[in-house]
Amino acid sequence: MTLQIPVQGWESQLLAWAQEPLMTIQAPRPVHADNRALRAAYLHCEDMTRLHSKTFYLASGLLPLEKRNAVRALYAFCRVTDDLVDRPSNEGDTLEQLTRWKETVTEGHPSASDPVALAWADAQARFHIPAGYAEQLINGVARDLQQKRYETFADLAEYSYGVASTVGLMAMHIIGFHSVEAVPYAVKLGVALQLTNILRDVHEDWKAGRLYLPQDELRAFELTEEDIANQICDDRWKAFMNFQVQRNRQLYDESRAGIALLRTDGRFAIAAAADLYRGILDNIEQHDGNIYNRRASVSTVGKLRRLPLIWWRAQTPNAR
């Protein structure tokens, strides 16, 4: 069975959320810390990025030093936030821990004993990143504590905004942009990246009790959660995954024009992050949508082979 990719009416709500922090920008609060503590904090974030995301580490390495440090601090901030939910400690209620973390990263004067909070506070101040986006991200991650299923793609897009588009909007402030016309493209790219995560991690998320695939679309392809539990990869599943992959590619395509609205010294890095992640879709497709018992990825050699074309596209962002 096939479905026509729908008109994306879900975007209006996401764009309204994206505008809110821009309307309430407060003067940045400089971080009072000695240079040695700041260097150590940024190095800690660099190590976290290298350990947990080879793709993001590679892409961020294409940025000038100050922006590179800032986006790696952003990554570390997001990683700590995710881990509070995905890898909860025994130090109390997870929601309480998230609340304390939000207070830590919004107070403006974190301790040098918390390198991620310190580096992130410094990055926010240096690049005038609206604090509202960090709060939206923490709230979006907290949603995983309550909601485990999503009925429609519009519902899933709203979730994706909270955990991914917010990251793109913060990164956009670090990279620099020429006009607020860049905002819709950053929002859409965030949804595209999160959807790639979802398609890659269906089995892993299922084992954790979560299913991010739209329920109405599963029903349209005559699939059930029992099929996923049994790791069924028949013609129904292949058709379903093909539909998901094609929509995901469309979102990447539609977000590409936003590259031209970024500062030139950051275009290559953002294009690389998007296109290298998009390569995961090719890997899923090469295995006929079978994401069970394997993690779809792009090899290091495969990433390096893609970089010249990505660089060319970044210089001519309207080229296909």
Protein backbone atom coordinates (compact mmCIF):
# COMPACT_ATOMS: atom_id res chain seq x y z
CA MET A 1 0.00 0.00 0.00
CA THR A 2 1.21 3.56 -0.68
CA LEU A 3 0.37 7.00 0.67
CA GLN A 4 0.77 10.41 -0.87
CA ILE A 5 3.12 12.63 1.10
CA PRO A 6 0.77 15.22 2.67
CA VAL A 7 0.98 18.98 2.61
CA GLN A 8 2.92 19.98 5.70
CA GLY A 9 0.31 21.90 7.66
CA TRP A 10 2.12 20.97 10.86
CA GLU A 11 4.71 23.69 10.27
CA SER A 12 2.63 26.64 11.47
CA GLN A 13 2.62 25.55 15.12
CA LEU A 14 6.36 24.88 15.06
CA LEU A 15 7.11 28.28 13.55
CA ALA A 16 5.01 29.97 16.22
CA TRP A 17 7.09 28.23 18.89
CA ALA A 18 10.30 29.20 17.11
CA GLN A 19 9.31 32.88 17.14
CA GLU A 20 8.64 33.06 20.88
CA PRO A 21 12.27 33.11 22.13
CA LEU A 22 13.17 35.68 19.46
CA MET A 23 10.62 38.08 20.94
CA THR A 24 12.01 37.81 24.47
CA ILE A 25 15.77 38.08 23.94
CA GLN A 26 17.47 39.46 27.02
CA ALA A 27 20.92 41.03 27.15
CA PRO A 28 23.54 38.27 27.37
CA ARG A 29 25.15 37.76 30.76
CA PRO A 30 28.93 37.36 30.48
CA VAL A 31 30.34 34.39 32.36
CA HIS A 32 32.81 35.24 35.09
CA ALA A 33 35.40 32.47 34.93
CA ASP A 34 39.14 32.43 34.37
CA ASN A 35 40.45 31.45 30.97
CA ARG A 36 41.94 28.19 32.20
CA ALA A 37 38.60 26.99 33.58
CA LEU A 38 36.85 27.94 30.33
CA ARG A 39 39.43 26.14 28.19
CA ALA A 40 39.05 23.02 30.34
CA ALA A 41 35.26 23.24 30.06
CA TYR A 42 35.34 23.50 26.27
CA LEU A 43 37.84 20.64 26.03
CA HIS A 44 35.48 18.52 28.12
CA CYS A 45 32.66 19.26 25.66
CA GLU A 46 34.96 18.43 22.76
CA ASP A 47 35.75 15.04 24.32
CA MET A 48 32.03 14.35 24.84
CA THR A 49 31.28 15.18 21.22
CA ARG A 50 34.10 12.99 19.91
CA LEU A 51 32.97 10.07 22.10
CA HIS A 52 29.24 10.17 21.38
CA SER A 53 28.80 11.51 17.83
CA LYS A 54 31.41 10.94 15.16
CA THR A 55 29.27 12.70 12.55
CA PHE A 56 28.70 15.83 14.62
CA TYR A 57 32.35 15.89 15.66
CA LEU A 58 33.46 15.73 12.03
CA ALA A 59 30.99 18.38 10.87
CA SER A 60 31.73 20.77 13.73
CA GLY A 61 35.44 20.46 12.97
CA LEU A 62 34.77 22.39 9.76
CA LEU A 63 33.93 25.54 11.73
CA PRO A 64 36.26 28.33 12.89
CA LEU A 65 37.62 27.68 16.41
CA GLU A 66 35.26 29.88 18.44
CA LYS A 67 32.14 28.61 16.66
CA ARG A 68 33.46 25.04 16.81
CA ASN A 69 33.85 25.28 20.58
CA ALA A 70 30.37 26.75 20.94
CA VAL A 71 28.54 24.10 18.90
CA ARG A 72 30.36 21.36 20.82
CA ALA A 73 29.25 23.01 24.06
CA LEU A 74 25.73 22.95 22.58
CA TYR A 75 26.11 19.26 21.80
CA ALA A 76 27.31 18.52 25.35
CA PHE A 77 24.41 20.49 26.84
CA CYS A 78 21.95 18.47 24.73
CA ARG A 79 23.71 15.22 25.61
CA VAL A 80 23.50 15.83 29.35
CA THR A 81 19.83 16.75 28.98
CA ASP A 82 19.07 13.58 26.99
CA ASP A 83 20.98 11.37 29.41
CA LEU A 84 18.95 12.59 32.37
CA VAL A 85 15.95 10.89 30.76
CA ASP A 86 17.55 8.05 28.78
CA ARG A 87 20.10 7.05 31.44
CA PRO A 88 18.52 8.13 34.73
CA SER A 89 20.62 7.98 37.88
CA ASN A 90 19.50 6.91 41.32
CA GLU A 91 19.79 10.43 42.70
CA GLY A 92 16.09 11.18 42.81
CA ASP A 93 13.12 11.82 40.57
CA THR A 94 14.09 12.35 36.91
CA LEU A 95 11.77 15.33 36.49
CA GLU A 96 13.31 16.95 39.55
CA GLN A 97 16.77 16.40 38.08
CA LEU A 98 15.68 18.03 34.82
CA THR A 99 14.28 20.98 36.78
CA ARG A 100 17.56 21.40 38.66
CA TRP A 101 19.50 21.15 35.39
CA LYS A 102 17.29 23.85 33.83
CA GLU A 103 18.01 26.09 36.81
CA THR A 104 21.74 25.41 36.49
CA VAL A 105 21.94 26.33 32.81
CA THR A 106 19.71 29.40 33.08
CA GLU A 107 21.19 31.02 36.17
CA GLY A 108 24.07 32.51 34.17
CA HIS A 109 26.87 31.84 36.66
CA PRO A 110 27.56 28.09 36.70
CA SER A 111 30.34 26.62 38.78
CA ALA A 112 33.64 25.62 37.21
CA SER A 113 32.98 22.19 38.72
CA ASP A 114 30.26 21.68 36.06
CA PRO A 115 32.20 22.05 32.78
CA VAL A 116 29.23 21.51 30.48
CA ALA A 117 27.11 24.15 32.18
CA LEU A 118 30.09 26.53 32.23
CA ALA A 119 30.96 26.12 28.55
CA TRP A 120 27.31 26.33 27.51
CA ALA A 121 26.71 29.51 29.53
CA ASP A 122 29.76 31.09 27.92
CA ALA A 123 28.64 30.04 24.43
CA GLN A 124 25.15 31.45 25.03
CA ALA A 125 26.59 34.79 26.11
CA ARG A 126 29.13 35.02 23.28
CA PHE A 127 26.62 34.29 20.53
CA HIS A 128 23.49 35.87 22.03
CA ILE A 129 21.55 32.60 21.93
CA PRO A 130 17.96 33.14 23.15
CA ALA A 131 17.55 31.29 26.45
CA GLY A 132 14.04 30.25 25.47
CA TYR A 133 15.35 27.67 23.01
CA ALA A 134 17.30 25.84 25.72
CA GLU A 135 14.20 25.81 27.90
CA GLN A 136 12.11 24.49 25.01
CA LEU A 137 14.64 21.70 24.49
CA ILE A 138 14.58 20.65 28.13
CA ASN A 139 10.78 20.66 28.09
CA GLY A 140 10.81 18.65 24.86
CA VAL A 141 13.12 16.01 26.33
CA ALA A 142 10.93 15.84 29.45
CA ARG A 143 8.04 14.84 27.19
CA ASP A 144 9.61 11.37 26.95
CA LEU A 145 8.72 10.86 30.62
CA GLN A 146 5.01 11.09 29.83
CA GLN A 147 4.36 10.30 26.16
CA LYS A 148 5.47 7.06 24.50
CA ARG A 149 3.29 7.05 21.35
CA TYR A 150 2.32 9.59 18.65
CA GLU A 151 -0.87 9.27 16.67
CA THR A 152 0.01 11.38 13.62
CA PHE A 153 3.06 12.80 11.89
CA ALA A 154 1.95 16.28 13.01
CA ASP A 155 2.17 15.07 16.61
CA LEU A 156 5.60 13.61 15.94
CA ALA A 157 6.77 16.84 14.27
CA GLU A 158 5.82 18.77 17.41
CA TYR A 159 7.89 16.38 19.50
CA SER A 160 10.76 16.67 17.01
CA TYR A 161 10.67 20.45 17.30
CA GLY A 162 11.28 20.23 21.04
CA VAL A 163 14.20 17.82 20.91
CA ALA A 164 15.82 18.72 17.58
CA SER A 165 14.60 21.91 15.87
CA THR A 166 15.49 23.83 19.02
CA VAL A 167 19.05 22.55 18.60
CA GLY A 168 19.14 23.79 15.01
CA LEU A 169 17.84 27.21 16.05
CA MET A 170 20.54 27.52 18.71
CA ALA A 171 23.20 26.36 16.26
CA MET A 172 21.92 28.92 13.77
CA HIS A 173 22.73 31.70 16.24
CA ILE A 174 26.25 30.33 16.67
CA ILE A 175 26.84 30.02 12.92
CA GLY A 176 25.30 33.40 12.22
CA PHE A 177 22.48 34.17 9.79
CA HIS A 178 21.51 37.03 7.52
CA SER A 179 17.79 37.16 8.20
CA VAL A 180 15.02 35.57 10.26
CA GLU A 181 13.93 33.96 7.00
CA ALA A 182 16.42 31.25 8.03
CA VAL A 183 14.18 30.18 10.92
CA PRO A 184 11.71 27.94 8.97
CA TYR A 185 14.61 26.12 7.32
CA ALA A 186 16.30 25.44 10.66
CA VAL A 187 13.01 24.15 12.06
CA LYS A 188 12.49 21.83 9.09
CA LEU A 189 16.07 20.54 9.16
CA GLY A 190 15.67 19.72 12.85
CA VAL A 191 12.56 17.65 12.09
CA ALA A 192 14.43 15.89 9.27
CA LEU A 193 17.38 15.01 11.50
CA GLN A 194 15.14 13.74 14.28
CA LEU A 195 13.09 11.64 11.87
CA THR A 196 16.34 10.02 10.68
CA ASN A 197 17.14 9.23 14.30
CA ILE A 198 13.71 7.71 14.74
CA LEU A 199 13.94 5.49 11.66
CA ARG A 200 17.42 4.31 12.61
CA ASP A 201 16.51 3.56 16.24
CA VAL A 202 13.07 1.93 15.93
CA HIS A 203 14.24 -1.33 17.49
CA GLU A 204 16.28 0.31 20.25
CA ASP A 205 13.43 2.67 21.15
CA TRP A 206 10.95 -0.20 21.12
CA LYS A 207 13.02 -2.08 23.68
CA ALA A 208 12.97 1.07 25.84
CA GLY A 209 9.17 1.14 25.66
CA ARG A 210 8.85 3.95 23.13
CA LEU A 211 7.54 3.99 19.57
CA TYR A 212 7.92 7.22 17.62
CA LEU A 213 6.36 6.00 14.37
CA PRO A 214 2.97 7.62 13.59
CA GLN A 215 0.25 5.22 14.66
CA ASP A 216 -2.15 6.18 11.88
CA GLU A 217 0.50 5.48 9.24
CA LEU A 218 1.28 2.08 10.73
CA ARG A 219 -2.41 1.24 10.45
CA ALA A 220 -2.51 2.52 6.87
CA PHE A 221 0.18 -0.02 5.96
CA GLU A 222 -1.63 -2.72 7.98
CA LEU A 223 1.15 -2.95 10.55
CA THR A 224 0.82 -3.43 14.29
CA GLU A 225 3.13 -3.02 17.23
CA GLU A 226 3.21 -6.80 17.46
CA ASP A 227 4.86 -6.82 14.01
CA ILE A 228 7.57 -4.55 15.36
CA ALA A 229 7.97 -6.67 18.48
CA ASN A 230 8.43 -9.71 16.23
CA GLN A 231 10.84 -7.81 13.95
CA ILE A 232 8.71 -8.40 10.88
CA CYS A 233 10.32 -7.13 7.68
CA ASP A 234 7.82 -8.16 5.00
CA ASP A 235 6.43 -6.21 2.04
CA ARG A 236 4.19 -4.14 4.33
CA TRP A 237 7.14 -3.02 6.44
CA LYS A 238 9.32 -2.34 3.40
CA ALA A 239 6.59 -0.17 1.85
CA PHE A 240 6.09 1.65 5.15
CA MET A 241 9.80 2.35 5.56
CA ASN A 242 10.09 3.47 1.95
CA PHE A 243 7.35 6.03 2.58
CA GLN A 244 9.11 7.26 5.72
CA VAL A 245 12.48 7.52 3.96
CA GLN A 246 11.05 9.44 1.00
CA ARG A 247 9.29 11.95 3.24
CA ASN A 248 12.47 12.32 5.27
CA ARG A 249 14.46 13.07 2.10
CA GLN A 250 11.86 15.63 1.06
CA LEU A 251 12.35 17.46 4.36
CA TYR A 252 16.12 17.55 3.80
CA ASP A 253 15.55 18.87 0.28
CA GLU A 254 13.20 21.59 1.46
CA SER A 255 15.59 22.72 4.20
CA ARG A 256 18.61 23.00 1.90
CA ALA A 257 17.82 26.54 0.73
CA GLY A 258 18.41 27.76 4.28
CA ILE A 259 22.16 27.17 3.85
CA ALA A 260 22.36 30.33 1.70
CA LEU A 261 21.00 32.39 4.62
CA LEU A 262 23.87 31.40 6.94
CA ARG A 263 27.23 33.10 7.35
CA THR A 264 29.66 31.76 4.80
CA ASP A 265 32.15 30.34 7.33
CA GLY A 266 29.48 28.00 8.70
CA ARG A 267 27.73 26.78 5.57
CA PHE A 268 30.04 23.82 4.93
CA ALA A 269 29.67 22.52 8.50
CA ILE A 270 25.87 22.68 8.50
CA ALA A 271 25.64 21.17 5.01
CA ALA A 272 27.98 18.38 6.12
CA ALA A 273 25.97 17.66 9.27
CA ALA A 274 22.76 17.45 7.23
CA ASP A 275 24.07 15.46 4.27
CA LEU A 276 26.14 13.00 6.31
CA TYR A 277 23.16 12.28 8.50
CA ARG A 278 20.96 11.98 5.44
CA GLY A 279 23.32 9.20 4.32
CA ILE A 280 21.81 7.02 7.04
CA LEU A 281 18.64 6.91 4.93
CA ASP A 282 20.64 5.43 2.04
CA ASN A 283 21.91 2.72 4.36
CA ILE A 284 18.40 1.93 5.57
CA GLU A 285 17.21 1.74 1.98
CA GLN A 286 20.11 -0.53 0.96
CA HIS A 287 18.91 -3.02 3.58
CA ASP A 288 15.27 -2.90 2.41
CA GLY A 289 14.17 -1.06 5.54
CA ASN A 290 15.48 -3.73 7.88
CA ILE A 291 16.60 -1.77 10.95
CA TYR A 292 16.38 -4.73 13.32
CA ASN A 293 19.52 -6.06 14.99
CA ARG A 294 21.71 -3.55 13.16
CA ARG A 295 22.40 0.17 13.41
CA ALA A 296 22.20 2.02 10.12
CA SER A 297 25.22 4.23 9.64
CA VAL A 298 27.70 5.73 7.18
CA SER A 299 31.28 4.57 7.45
CA THR A 300 34.14 7.01 8.03
CA VAL A 301 35.37 6.37 4.49
CA GLY A 302 31.86 6.96 3.18
CA LYS A 303 31.67 10.27 5.03
CA LEU A 304 35.01 11.46 3.67
CA ARG A 305 33.99 10.56 0.12
CA ARG A 306 30.87 12.70 0.45
CA LEU A 307 32.66 15.83 1.69
CA PRO A 308 33.86 17.26 -1.67
CA LEU A 309 30.34 17.25 -3.13
CA ILE A 310 28.95 18.63 0.13
CA TRP A 311 31.53 21.43 0.02
CA TRP A 312 30.54 22.30 -3.56
CA ARG A 313 26.86 22.36 -2.66
CA ALA A 314 27.61 24.59 0.32
CA GLN A 315 29.29 27.09 -2.00
CA THR A 316 26.30 26.94 -4.38
CA PRO A 317 23.48 26.29 -1.86
CA ASN A 318 20.68 26.51 -4.41
CA ALA A 319 22.18 23.74 -6.56
CA ARG A 320 20.65 20.29 -6.43
